[in-house]
PDB file of N, CA and C in Angstrom:
ATOM      1  N   UNK A   1     -13.936  19.581 -41.494  1.00  0.00           N
ATOM      2  CA  UNK A   1     -12.529  19.670 -41.209  1.00  0.00           C
ATOM      3  C   UNK A   1     -11.794  18.585 -41.978  1.00  0.00           C
ATOM      4  N   UNK A   2     -10.709  18.967 -42.546  1.00  0.00           N
ATOM      5  CA  UNK A   2      -9.942  17.946 -43.270  1.00  0.00           C
ATOM      6  C   UNK A   2      -8.926  17.291 -42.330  1.00  0.00           C
ATOM      7  N   UNK A   3      -8.307  16.235 -42.830  1.00  0.00           N
ATOM      8  CA  UNK A   3      -7.391  15.444 -41.997  1.00  0.00           C
ATOM      9  C   UNK A   3      -6.131  16.222 -41.627  1.00  0.00           C
ATOM     10  N   UNK A   4      -5.662  17.113 -42.527  1.00  0.00           N
ATOM     11  CA  UNK A   4      -4.437  17.878 -42.218  1.00  0.00           C
ATOM     12  C   UNK A   4      -4.666  18.807 -41.024  1.00  0.00           C
ATOM     13  N   UNK A   5      -5.829  19.384 -40.962  1.00  0.00           N
ATOM     14  CA  UNK A   5      -6.147  20.293 -39.851  1.00  0.00           C
ATOM     15  C   UNK A   5      -6.208  19.522 -38.524  1.00  0.00           C
ATOM     16  N   UNK A   6      -6.776  18.324 -38.554  1.00  0.00           N
ATOM     17  CA  UNK A   6      -6.841  17.492 -37.356  1.00  0.00           C
ATOM     18  C   UNK A   6      -5.444  17.095 -36.901  1.00  0.00           C
ATOM     19  N   UNK A   7      -4.560  16.786 -37.849  1.00  0.00           N
ATOM     20  CA  UNK A   7      -3.193  16.399 -37.509  1.00  0.00           C
ATOM     21  C   UNK A   7      -2.446  17.554 -36.848  1.00  0.00           C
ATOM     22  N   UNK A   8      -2.673  18.759 -37.331  1.00  0.00           N
ATOM     23  CA  UNK A   8      -2.001  19.920 -36.756  1.00  0.00           C
ATOM     24  C   UNK A   8      -2.460  20.123 -35.312  1.00  0.00           C
ATOM     25  N   UNK A   9      -3.734  20.018 -35.087  1.00  0.00           N
ATOM     26  CA  UNK A   9      -4.269  20.200 -33.727  1.00  0.00           C
ATOM     27  C   UNK A   9      -3.723  19.124 -32.798  1.00  0.00           C
ATOM     28  N   UNK A  10      -3.708  17.871 -33.243  1.00  0.00           N
ATOM     29  CA  UNK A  10      -3.207  16.778 -32.412  1.00  0.00           C
ATOM     30  C   UNK A  10      -1.722  16.949 -32.144  1.00  0.00           C
ATOM     31  N   UNK A  11      -0.953  17.361 -33.142  1.00  0.00           N
ATOM     32  CA  UNK A  11       0.483  17.532 -32.912  1.00  0.00           C
ATOM     33  C   UNK A  11       0.746  18.698 -31.961  1.00  0.00           C
ATOM     34  N   UNK A  12      -0.026  19.768 -32.059  1.00  0.00           N
ATOM     35  CA  UNK A  12       0.142  20.891 -31.132  1.00  0.00           C
ATOM     36  C   UNK A  12      -0.188  20.481 -29.693  1.00  0.00           C
ATOM     37  N   UNK A  13      -1.250  19.693 -29.530  1.00  0.00           N
ATOM     38  CA  UNK A  13      -1.635  19.231 -28.188  1.00  0.00           C
ATOM     39  C   UNK A  13      -0.553  18.336 -27.610  1.00  0.00           C
ATOM     40  N   UNK A  14      -0.033  17.418 -28.400  1.00  0.00           N
ATOM     41  CA  UNK A  14       1.005  16.524 -27.891  1.00  0.00           C
ATOM     42  C   UNK A  14       2.285  17.288 -27.583  1.00  0.00           C
ATOM     43  N   UNK A  15       2.631  18.295 -28.370  1.00  0.00           N
ATOM     44  CA  UNK A  15       3.811  19.114 -28.068  1.00  0.00           C
ATOM     45  C   UNK A  15       3.602  19.906 -26.782  1.00  0.00           C
ATOM     46  N   UNK A  16       2.401  20.406 -26.573  1.00  0.00           N
ATOM     47  CA  UNK A  16       2.121  21.177 -25.359  1.00  0.00           C
ATOM     48  C   UNK A  16       2.258  20.297 -24.130  1.00  0.00           C
ATOM     49  N   UNK A  17       1.763  19.080 -24.213  1.00  0.00           N
ATOM     50  CA  UNK A  17       1.868  18.163 -23.072  1.00  0.00           C
ATOM     51  C   UNK A  17       3.316  17.770 -22.791  1.00  0.00           C
ATOM     52  N   UNK A  18       4.101  17.603 -23.825  1.00  0.00           N
ATOM     53  CA  UNK A  18       5.481  17.182 -23.629  1.00  0.00           C
ATOM     54  C   UNK A  18       6.365  18.314 -23.104  1.00  0.00           C
ATOM     55  N   UNK A  19       6.187  19.496 -23.637  1.00  0.00           N
ATOM     56  CA  UNK A  19       7.095  20.588 -23.285  1.00  0.00           C
ATOM     57  C   UNK A  19       6.489  21.554 -22.279  1.00  0.00           C
ATOM     58  N   UNK A  20       5.189  21.636 -22.205  1.00  0.00           N
ATOM     59  CA  UNK A  20       4.548  22.571 -21.303  1.00  0.00           C
ATOM     60  C   UNK A  20       4.448  23.969 -21.881  1.00  0.00           C
ATOM     61  N   UNK A  21       4.751  24.154 -23.147  1.00  0.00           N
ATOM     62  CA  UNK A  21       4.642  25.482 -23.763  1.00  0.00           C
ATOM     63  C   UNK A  21       3.923  25.347 -25.098  1.00  0.00           C
ATOM     64  N   UNK A  22       3.486  26.482 -25.608  1.00  0.00           N
ATOM     65  CA  UNK A  22       2.778  26.475 -26.890  1.00  0.00           C
ATOM     66  C   UNK A  22       3.719  26.697 -28.060  1.00  0.00           C
ATOM     67  N   UNK A  23       4.980  27.004 -27.797  1.00  0.00           N
ATOM     68  CA  UNK A  23       5.948  27.200 -28.881  1.00  0.00           C
ATOM     69  C   UNK A  23       6.274  25.870 -29.531  1.00  0.00           C
ATOM     70  N   UNK A  24       6.587  25.929 -30.823  1.00  0.00           N
ATOM     71  CA  UNK A  24       6.985  24.711 -31.513  1.00  0.00           C
ATOM     72  C   UNK A  24       8.382  24.285 -31.086  1.00  0.00           C
ATOM     73  N   UNK A  25       9.247  25.259 -30.789  1.00  0.00           N
ATOM     74  CA  UNK A  25      10.606  24.940 -30.379  1.00  0.00           C
ATOM     75  C   UNK A  25      10.705  25.091 -28.867  1.00  0.00           C
ATOM     76  N   UNK A  26      10.879  23.998 -28.180  1.00  0.00           N
ATOM     77  CA  UNK A  26      10.962  24.029 -26.733  1.00  0.00           C
ATOM     78  C   UNK A  26      12.414  24.267 -26.331  1.00  0.00           C
ATOM     79  N   UNK A  27      12.615  25.248 -25.454  1.00  0.00           N
ATOM     80  CA  UNK A  27      13.964  25.521 -24.964  1.00  0.00           C
ATOM     81  C   UNK A  27      14.112  24.875 -23.603  1.00  0.00           C
ATOM     82  N   UNK A  28      15.156  24.087 -23.399  1.00  0.00           N
ATOM     83  CA  UNK A  28      15.340  23.467 -22.089  1.00  0.00           C
ATOM     84  C   UNK A  28      15.699  24.511 -21.043  1.00  0.00           C
ATOM     85  N   UNK A  29      15.271  24.278 -19.829  1.00  0.00           N
ATOM     86  CA  UNK A  29      15.534  25.227 -18.747  1.00  0.00           C
ATOM     87  C   UNK A  29      17.014  25.175 -18.392  1.00  0.00           C
ATOM     88  N   UNK A  30      17.571  26.338 -18.126  1.00  0.00           N
ATOM     89  CA  UNK A  30      18.994  26.390 -17.781  1.00  0.00           C
ATOM     90  C   UNK A  30      19.195  25.875 -16.360  1.00  0.00           C
ATOM     91  N   UNK A  31      20.363  25.361 -16.058  1.00  0.00           N
ATOM     92  CA  UNK A  31      20.616  24.855 -14.699  1.00  0.00           C
ATOM     93  C   UNK A  31      20.466  25.949 -13.643  1.00  0.00           C
ATOM     94  N   UNK A  32      20.805  27.187 -14.007  1.00  0.00           N
ATOM     95  CA  UNK A  32      20.681  28.294 -13.057  1.00  0.00           C
ATOM     96  C   UNK A  32      19.218  28.539 -12.695  1.00  0.00           C
ATOM     97  N   UNK A  33      18.346  28.496 -13.685  1.00  0.00           N
ATOM     98  CA  UNK A  33      16.923  28.727 -13.398  1.00  0.00           C
ATOM     99  C   UNK A  33      16.327  27.557 -12.623  1.00  0.00           C
ATOM    100  N   UNK A  34      16.798  26.332 -12.896  1.00  0.00           N
ATOM    101  CA  UNK A  34      16.323  25.183 -12.140  1.00  0.00           C
ATOM    102  C   UNK A  34      16.710  25.313 -10.673  1.00  0.00           C
ATOM    103  N   UNK A  35      17.950  25.724 -10.395  1.00  0.00           N
ATOM    104  CA  UNK A  35      18.398  25.883  -9.018  1.00  0.00           C
ATOM    105  C   UNK A  35      17.659  27.024  -8.332  1.00  0.00           C
ATOM    106  N   UNK A  36      17.289  28.042  -9.082  1.00  0.00           N
ATOM    107  CA  UNK A  36      16.528  29.151  -8.505  1.00  0.00           C
ATOM    108  C   UNK A  36      15.137  28.673  -8.073  1.00  0.00           C
ATOM    109  N   UNK A  37      14.540  27.839  -8.901  1.00  0.00           N
ATOM    110  CA  UNK A  37      13.229  27.286  -8.555  1.00  0.00           C
ATOM    111  C   UNK A  37      13.344  26.406  -7.311  1.00  0.00           C
ATOM    112  N   UNK A  38      14.369  25.561  -7.256  1.00  0.00           N
ATOM    113  CA  UNK A  38      14.581  24.714  -6.080  1.00  0.00           C
ATOM    114  C   UNK A  38      14.823  25.553  -4.831  1.00  0.00           C
ATOM    115  N   UNK A  39      15.597  26.607  -4.972  1.00  0.00           N
ATOM    116  CA  UNK A  39      15.891  27.479  -3.824  1.00  0.00           C
ATOM    117  C   UNK A  39      14.635  28.173  -3.325  1.00  0.00           C
ATOM    118  N   UNK A  40      13.707  28.485  -4.225  1.00  0.00           N
ATOM    119  CA  UNK A  40      12.457  29.117  -3.804  1.00  0.00           C
ATOM    120  C   UNK A  40      11.489  28.085  -3.225  1.00  0.00           C
ATOM    121  N   UNK A  41      11.577  26.851  -3.679  1.00  0.00           N
ATOM    122  CA  UNK A  41      10.666  25.816  -3.188  1.00  0.00           C
ATOM    123  C   UNK A  41      11.052  25.306  -1.804  1.00  0.00           C
ATOM    124  N   UNK A  42      12.314  25.361  -1.443  1.00  0.00           N
ATOM    125  CA  UNK A  42      12.750  24.840  -0.148  1.00  0.00           C
ATOM    126  C   UNK A  42      12.053  25.552   1.012  1.00  0.00           C
ATOM    127  N   UNK A  43      12.019  26.892   1.086  1.00  0.00           N
ATOM    128  CA  UNK A  43      11.292  27.540   2.191  1.00  0.00           C
ATOM    129  C   UNK A  43       9.793  27.232   2.173  1.00  0.00           C
ATOM    130  N   UNK A  44       9.221  27.117   0.993  1.00  0.00           N
ATOM    131  CA  UNK A  44       7.793  26.805   0.887  1.00  0.00           C
ATOM    132  C   UNK A  44       7.525  25.411   1.456  1.00  0.00           C
ATOM    133  N   UNK A  45       8.362  24.447   1.126  1.00  0.00           N
ATOM    134  CA  UNK A  45       8.191  23.090   1.629  1.00  0.00           C
ATOM    135  C   UNK A  45       8.374  23.067   3.146  1.00  0.00           C
ATOM    136  N   UNK A  46       9.336  23.802   3.669  1.00  0.00           N
ATOM    137  CA  UNK A  46       9.558  23.853   5.115  1.00  0.00           C
ATOM    138  C   UNK A  46       8.351  24.465   5.825  1.00  0.00           C
ATOM    139  N   UNK A  47       7.834  25.557   5.290  1.00  0.00           N
ATOM    140  CA  UNK A  47       6.660  26.204   5.888  1.00  0.00           C
ATOM    141  C   UNK A  47       5.451  25.260   5.850  1.00  0.00           C
ATOM    142  N   UNK A  48       5.264  24.576   4.737  1.00  0.00           N
ATOM    143  CA  UNK A  48       4.140  23.638   4.633  1.00  0.00           C
ATOM    144  C   UNK A  48       4.293  22.486   5.628  1.00  0.00           C
ATOM    145  N   UNK A  49       5.516  22.003   5.829  1.00  0.00           N
ATOM    146  CA  UNK A  49       5.738  20.919   6.794  1.00  0.00           C
ATOM    147  C   UNK A  49       5.449  21.391   8.216  1.00  0.00           C
ATOM    148  N   UNK A  50       5.872  22.606   8.555  1.00  0.00           N
ATOM    149  CA  UNK A  50       5.617  23.131   9.902  1.00  0.00           C
ATOM    150  C   UNK A  50       4.120  23.332  10.118  1.00  0.00           C
ATOM    151  N   UNK A  51       3.444  23.906   9.131  1.00  0.00           N
ATOM    152  CA  UNK A  51       1.993  24.090   9.247  1.00  0.00           C
ATOM    153  C   UNK A  51       1.269  22.753   9.335  1.00  0.00           C
ATOM    154  N   UNK A  52       1.714  21.780   8.557  1.00  0.00           N
ATOM    155  CA  UNK A  52       1.107  20.451   8.617  1.00  0.00           C
ATOM    156  C   UNK A  52       1.278  19.821   9.993  1.00  0.00           C
ATOM    157  N   UNK A  53       2.476  19.940  10.571  1.00  0.00           N
ATOM    158  CA  UNK A  53       2.711  19.389  11.904  1.00  0.00           C
ATOM    159  C   UNK A  53       1.862  20.112  12.949  1.00  0.00           C
ATOM    160  N   UNK A  54       1.738  21.433  12.802  1.00  0.00           N
ATOM    161  CA  UNK A  54       0.928  22.206  13.746  1.00  0.00           C
ATOM    162  C   UNK A  54      -0.536  21.774  13.702  1.00  0.00           C
ATOM    163  N   UNK A  55      -1.099  21.696  12.515  1.00  0.00           N
ATOM    164  CA  UNK A  55      -2.506  21.313  12.398  1.00  0.00           C
ATOM    165  C   UNK A  55      -2.726  19.867  12.822  1.00  0.00           C
ATOM    166  N   UNK A  56      -1.773  18.982  12.517  1.00  0.00           N
ATOM    167  CA  UNK A  56      -1.893  17.602  12.966  1.00  0.00           C
ATOM    168  C   UNK A  56      -1.901  17.540  14.487  1.00  0.00           C
ATOM    169  N   UNK A  57      -1.015  18.293  15.117  1.00  0.00           N
ATOM    170  CA  UNK A  57      -0.967  18.298  16.587  1.00  0.00           C
ATOM    171  C   UNK A  57      -2.255  18.855  17.178  1.00  0.00           C
ATOM    172  N   UNK A  58      -2.792  19.906  16.562  1.00  0.00           N
ATOM    173  CA  UNK A  58      -4.028  20.504  17.072  1.00  0.00           C
ATOM    174  C   UNK A  58      -5.198  19.526  16.954  1.00  0.00           C
ATOM    175  N   UNK A  59      -5.350  18.899  15.807  1.00  0.00           N
ATOM    176  CA  UNK A  59      -6.456  17.952  15.636  1.00  0.00           C
ATOM    177  C   UNK A  59      -6.257  16.704  16.482  1.00  0.00           C
ATOM    178  N   UNK A  60      -5.015  16.271  16.657  1.00  0.00           N
ATOM    179  CA  UNK A  60      -4.750  15.123  17.507  1.00  0.00           C
ATOM    180  C   UNK A  60      -5.107  15.435  18.959  1.00  0.00           C
ATOM    181  N   UNK A  61      -4.786  16.648  19.403  1.00  0.00           N
ATOM    182  CA  UNK A  61      -5.134  17.053  20.768  1.00  0.00           C
ATOM    183  C   UNK A  61      -6.654  17.100  20.951  1.00  0.00           C
ATOM    184  N   UNK A  62      -7.363  17.618  19.967  1.00  0.00           N
ATOM    185  CA  UNK A  62      -8.833  17.624  20.047  1.00  0.00           C
ATOM    186  C   UNK A  62      -9.388  16.205  20.098  1.00  0.00           C
ATOM    187  N   UNK A  63      -8.809  15.324  19.316  1.00  0.00           N
ATOM    188  CA  UNK A  63      -9.252  13.928  19.316  1.00  0.00           C
ATOM    189  C   UNK A  63      -9.005  13.284  20.676  1.00  0.00           C
ATOM    190  N   UNK A  64      -7.845  13.547  21.269  1.00  0.00           N
ATOM    191  CA  UNK A  64      -7.529  12.969  22.578  1.00  0.00           C
ATOM    192  C   UNK A  64      -8.495  13.490  23.641  1.00  0.00           C
ATOM    193  N   UNK A  65      -8.801  14.776  23.610  1.00  0.00           N
ATOM    194  CA  UNK A  65      -9.733  15.354  24.584  1.00  0.00           C
ATOM    195  C   UNK A  65     -11.128  14.749  24.401  1.00  0.00           C
ATOM    196  N   UNK A  66     -11.571  14.616  23.164  1.00  0.00           N
ATOM    197  CA  UNK A  66     -12.893  14.035  22.909  1.00  0.00           C
ATOM    198  C   UNK A  66     -12.935  12.566  23.343  1.00  0.00           C
ATOM    199  N   UNK A  67     -11.880  11.816  23.057  1.00  0.00           N
ATOM    200  CA  UNK A  67     -11.842  10.405  23.456  1.00  0.00           C
ATOM    201  C   UNK A  67     -11.809  10.273  24.978  1.00  0.00           C
ATOM    202  N   UNK A  68     -11.064  11.147  25.651  1.00  0.00           N
ATOM    203  CA  UNK A  68     -11.017  11.106  27.116  1.00  0.00           C
ATOM    204  C   UNK A  68     -12.382  11.454  27.705  1.00  0.00           C
ATOM    205  N   UNK A  69     -13.057  12.435  27.147  1.00  0.00           N
ATOM    206  CA  UNK A  69     -14.397  12.795  27.617  1.00  0.00           C
ATOM    207  C   UNK A  69     -15.390  11.666  27.429  1.00  0.00           C
ATOM    208  N   UNK A  70     -15.339  11.023  26.283  1.00  0.00           N
ATOM    209  CA  UNK A  70     -16.236   9.899  26.021  1.00  0.00           C
ATOM    210  C   UNK A  70     -15.920   8.732  26.950  1.00  0.00           C
ATOM    211  N   UNK A  71     -14.627   8.459  27.153  1.00  0.00           N
ATOM    212  CA  UNK A  71     -14.243   7.381  28.070  1.00  0.00           C
ATOM    213  C   UNK A  71     -14.683   7.661  29.494  1.00  0.00           C
ATOM    214  N   UNK A  72     -14.535   8.903  29.927  1.00  0.00           N
ATOM    215  CA  UNK A  72     -14.974   9.287  31.270  1.00  0.00           C
ATOM    216  C   UNK A  72     -16.483   9.139  31.417  1.00  0.00           C
ATOM    217  N   UNK A  73     -17.207   9.536  30.407  1.00  0.00           N
ATOM    218  CA  UNK A  73     -18.668   9.413  30.448  1.00  0.00           C
ATOM    219  C   UNK A  73     -19.101   7.946  30.521  1.00  0.00           C
ATOM    220  N   UNK A  74     -18.489   7.093  29.708  1.00  0.00           N
ATOM    221  CA  UNK A  74     -18.831   5.669  29.742  1.00  0.00           C
ATOM    222  C   UNK A  74     -18.457   5.053  31.082  1.00  0.00           C
ATOM    223  N   UNK A  75     -17.301   5.438  31.641  1.00  0.00           N
ATOM    224  CA  UNK A  75     -16.913   4.929  32.950  1.00  0.00           C
ATOM    225  C   UNK A  75     -17.930   5.347  34.019  1.00  0.00           C
ATOM    226  N   UNK A  76     -18.386   6.600  33.958  1.00  0.00           N
ATOM    227  CA  UNK A  76     -19.351   7.104  34.934  1.00  0.00           C
ATOM    228  C   UNK A  76     -20.682   6.344  34.829  1.00  0.00           C
ATOM    229  N   UNK A  77     -21.150   6.133  33.610  1.00  0.00           N
ATOM    230  CA  UNK A  77     -22.405   5.396  33.434  1.00  0.00           C
ATOM    231  C   UNK A  77     -22.268   3.954  33.910  1.00  0.00           C
ATOM    232  N   UNK A  78     -21.150   3.315  33.647  1.00  0.00           N
ATOM    233  CA  UNK A  78     -20.915   1.943  34.089  1.00  0.00           C
ATOM    234  C   UNK A  78     -20.880   1.873  35.617  1.00  0.00           C
ATOM    235  N   UNK A  79     -20.225   2.841  36.232  1.00  0.00           N
ATOM    236  CA  UNK A  79     -20.145   2.901  37.699  1.00  0.00           C
ATOM    237  C   UNK A  79     -21.534   3.075  38.303  1.00  0.00           C
ATOM    238  N   UNK A  80     -22.321   3.956  37.687  1.00  0.00           N
ATOM    239  CA  UNK A  80     -23.682   4.207  38.166  1.00  0.00           C
ATOM    240  C   UNK A  80     -24.545   2.947  38.033  1.00  0.00           C
ATOM    241  N   UNK A  81     -24.387   2.231  36.935  1.00  0.00           N
ATOM    242  CA  UNK A  81     -25.138   0.999  36.710  1.00  0.00           C
ATOM    243  C   UNK A  81     -24.751  -0.063  37.739  1.00  0.00           C
ATOM    244  N   UNK A  82     -23.455  -0.195  38.028  1.00  0.00           N
ATOM    245  CA  UNK A  82     -23.014  -1.160  39.035  1.00  0.00           C
ATOM    246  C   UNK A  82     -23.567  -0.817  40.418  1.00  0.00           C
ATOM    247  N   UNK A  83     -23.579   0.462  40.760  1.00  0.00           N
ATOM    248  CA  UNK A  83     -24.132   0.867  42.064  1.00  0.00           C
ATOM    249  C   UNK A  83     -25.616   0.532  42.164  1.00  0.00           C
ATOM    250  N   UNK A  84     -26.348   0.772  41.089  1.00  0.00           N
ATOM    251  CA  UNK A  84     -27.793   0.515  41.134  1.00  0.00           C
ATOM    252  C   UNK A  84     -28.079  -0.977  41.208  1.00  0.00           C
ATOM    253  N   UNK A  85     -27.303  -1.813  40.554  1.00  0.00           N
ATOM    254  CA  UNK A  85     -27.547  -3.259  40.628  1.00  0.00           C
ATOM    255  C   UNK A  85     -27.163  -3.803  41.995  1.00  0.00           C
ATOM    256  N   UNK A  86     -26.123  -3.270  42.634  1.00  0.00           N
ATOM    257  CA  UNK A  86     -25.752  -3.708  43.983  1.00  0.00           C
ATOM    258  C   UNK A  86     -26.824  -3.321  45.001  1.00  0.00           C
ATOM    259  N   UNK A  87     -27.401  -2.141  44.861  1.00  0.00           N
ATOM    260  CA  UNK A  87     -28.440  -1.687  45.787  1.00  0.00           C
ATOM    261  C   UNK A  87     -29.700  -2.531  45.639  1.00  0.00           C
ATOM    262  N   UNK A  88     -30.030  -2.925  44.439  1.00  0.00           N
ATOM    263  CA  UNK A  88     -31.233  -3.714  44.210  1.00  0.00           C
ATOM    264  C   UNK A  88     -31.082  -5.141  44.700  1.00  0.00           C
ATOM    265  N   UNK A  89     -29.878  -5.682  44.754  1.00  0.00           N
ATOM    266  CA  UNK A  89     -29.683  -7.058  45.184  1.00  0.00           C
ATOM    267  C   UNK A  89     -30.102  -7.268  46.632  1.00  0.00           C
ATOM    268  N   UNK A  90     -29.910  -6.305  47.510  1.00  0.00           N
ATOM    269  CA  UNK A  90     -30.250  -6.461  48.918  1.00  0.00           C
ATOM    270  C   UNK A  90     -31.691  -6.145  49.235  1.00  0.00           C
ATOM    271  N   UNK A  91     -32.475  -5.660  48.322  1.00  0.00           N
ATOM    272  CA  UNK A  91     -33.830  -5.229  48.596  1.00  0.00           C
ATOM    273  C   UNK A  91     -34.881  -6.318  48.415  1.00  0.00           C
ATOM    274  N   UNK A  92     -34.542  -7.412  47.795  1.00  0.00           N
ATOM    275  CA  UNK A  92     -35.542  -8.447  47.596  1.00  0.00           C
ATOM    276  C   UNK A  92     -34.892  -9.820  47.730  1.00  0.00           C
ATOM    277  N   UNK A  93     -35.742 -10.805  47.999  1.00  0.00           N
ATOM    278  CA  UNK A  93     -35.296 -12.189  48.152  1.00  0.00           C
ATOM    279  C   UNK A  93     -36.131 -13.027  47.207  1.00  0.00           C
ATOM    280  N   UNK A  94     -35.508 -13.925  46.512  1.00  0.00           N
ATOM    281  CA  UNK A  94     -36.221 -14.797  45.583  1.00  0.00           C
ATOM    282  C   UNK A  94     -36.661 -16.048  46.340  1.00  0.00           C
ATOM    283  N   UNK A  95     -37.944 -16.327  46.290  1.00  0.00           N
ATOM    284  CA  UNK A  95     -38.503 -17.511  46.943  1.00  0.00           C
ATOM    285  C   UNK A  95     -38.922 -18.474  45.851  1.00  0.00           C
ATOM    286  N   UNK A  96     -38.343 -19.662  45.883  1.00  0.00           N
ATOM    287  CA  UNK A  96     -38.637 -20.615  44.819  1.00  0.00           C
ATOM    288  C   UNK A  96     -39.905 -21.425  45.115  1.00  0.00           C
ATOM    289  N   UNK A  97     -40.047 -21.925  46.346  1.00  0.00           N
ATOM    290  CA  UNK A  97     -41.230 -22.716  46.703  1.00  0.00           C
ATOM    291  C   UNK A  97     -42.135 -21.866  47.589  1.00  0.00           C
ATOM    292  N   UNK A  98     -43.275 -21.552  47.074  1.00  0.00           N
ATOM    293  CA  UNK A  98     -44.213 -20.742  47.835  1.00  0.00           C
ATOM    294  C   UNK A  98     -45.506 -21.522  48.017  1.00  0.00           C
ATOM    295  N   UNK A  99     -46.098 -21.347  49.175  1.00  0.00           N
ATOM    296  CA  UNK A  99     -47.355 -22.012  49.468  1.00  0.00           C
ATOM    297  C   UNK A  99     -48.473 -20.997  49.294  1.00  0.00           C
ATOM    298  N   UNK A 100     -49.459 -21.358  48.538  1.00  0.00           N
ATOM    299  CA  UNK A 100     -50.569 -20.456  48.281  1.00  0.00           C
ATOM    300  C   UNK A 100     -51.574 -20.615  49.409  1.00  0.00           C
ATOM    301  N   UNK A 101     -51.898 -19.521  50.054  1.00  0.00           N
ATOM    302  CA  UNK A 101     -52.840 -19.534  51.165  1.00  0.00           C
ATOM    303  C   UNK A 101     -54.058 -18.741  50.742  1.00  0.00           C
ATOM    304  N   UNK A 102     -55.238 -19.360  50.894  1.00  0.00           N
ATOM    305  CA  UNK A 102     -56.468 -18.664  50.557  1.00  0.00           C
ATOM    306  C   UNK A 102     -57.049 -18.068  51.821  1.00  0.00           C
ATOM    307  N   UNK A 103     -57.468 -16.874  51.682  1.00  0.00           N
ATOM    308  CA  UNK A 103     -58.058 -16.199  52.839  1.00  0.00           C
ATOM    309  C   UNK A 103     -59.561 -16.146  52.630  1.00  0.00           C
ATOM    310  N   UNK A 104     -60.254 -16.576  53.609  1.00  0.00           N
ATOM    311  CA  UNK A 104     -61.708 -16.575  53.529  1.00  0.00           C
ATOM    312  C   UNK A 104     -62.257 -15.621  54.575  1.00  0.00           C
ATOM    313  N   UNK A 105     -63.538 -15.397  54.521  1.00  0.00           N
ATOM    314  CA  UNK A 105     -64.194 -14.502  55.470  1.00  0.00           C
ATOM    315  C   UNK A 105     -64.099 -15.052  56.886  1.00  0.00           C
ATOM    316  N   UNK A 106     -64.184 -16.343  57.022  1.00  0.00           N
ATOM    317  CA  UNK A 106     -64.117 -16.932  58.350  1.00  0.00           C
ATOM    318  C   UNK A 106     -62.736 -16.746  58.947  1.00  0.00           C
ATOM    319  N   UNK A 107     -61.707 -16.892  58.163  1.00  0.00           N
ATOM    320  CA  UNK A 107     -60.340 -16.714  58.680  1.00  0.00           C
ATOM    321  C   UNK A 107     -60.082 -15.263  59.047  1.00  0.00           C
ATOM    322  N   UNK A 108     -60.669 -14.354  58.339  1.00  0.00           N
ATOM    323  CA  UNK A 108     -60.471 -12.939  58.635  1.00  0.00           C
ATOM    324  C   UNK A 108     -61.130 -12.574  59.959  1.00  0.00           C
ATOM    325  N   UNK A 109     -62.305 -13.118  60.208  1.00  0.00           N
ATOM    326  CA  UNK A 109     -63.030 -12.816  61.448  1.00  0.00           C
ATOM    327  C   UNK A 109     -62.324 -13.432  62.655  1.00  0.00           C
ATOM    328  N   UNK A 110     -61.692 -14.576  62.460  1.00  0.00           N
ATOM    329  CA  UNK A 110     -60.968 -15.206  63.548  1.00  0.00           C
ATOM    330  C   UNK A 110     -59.751 -14.374  63.928  1.00  0.00           C
ATOM    331  N   UNK A 111     -59.131 -13.787  62.978  1.00  0.00           N
ATOM    332  CA  UNK A 111     -57.940 -12.986  63.222  1.00  0.00           C
ATOM    333  C   UNK A 111     -58.246 -11.729  63.968  1.00  0.00           C
ATOM    334  N   UNK A 112     -59.458 -11.221  63.934  1.00  0.00           N
ATOM    335  CA  UNK A 112     -59.830  -9.952  64.596  1.00  0.00           C
ATOM    336  C   UNK A 112     -60.193 -10.224  65.970  1.00  0.00           C
TER     337      UNK A 112
END
């Protein structure tokens, strides 16, 4: 490929990026066509905003329900744990000083 061919390709690419068309002569959009595009985009933007709000509300509601369920479950487990520790506290007594007593055969016979 020669350099002139490369220049033509590069100039065509840069013109396409600037104007958005493949024509060498870019025609500016008329104000009427611009307003028509804006008029068509307004309902689309409104519909997208309403749909976005709807889906946000739906996912937010699901998140709130899931968080409430998880919170309720953790509260229930904590309550159950507190009940079990309170019940165990009254069932035993800690003795710090204990006397070791050896039982022999003679002591057993005396007791009978």
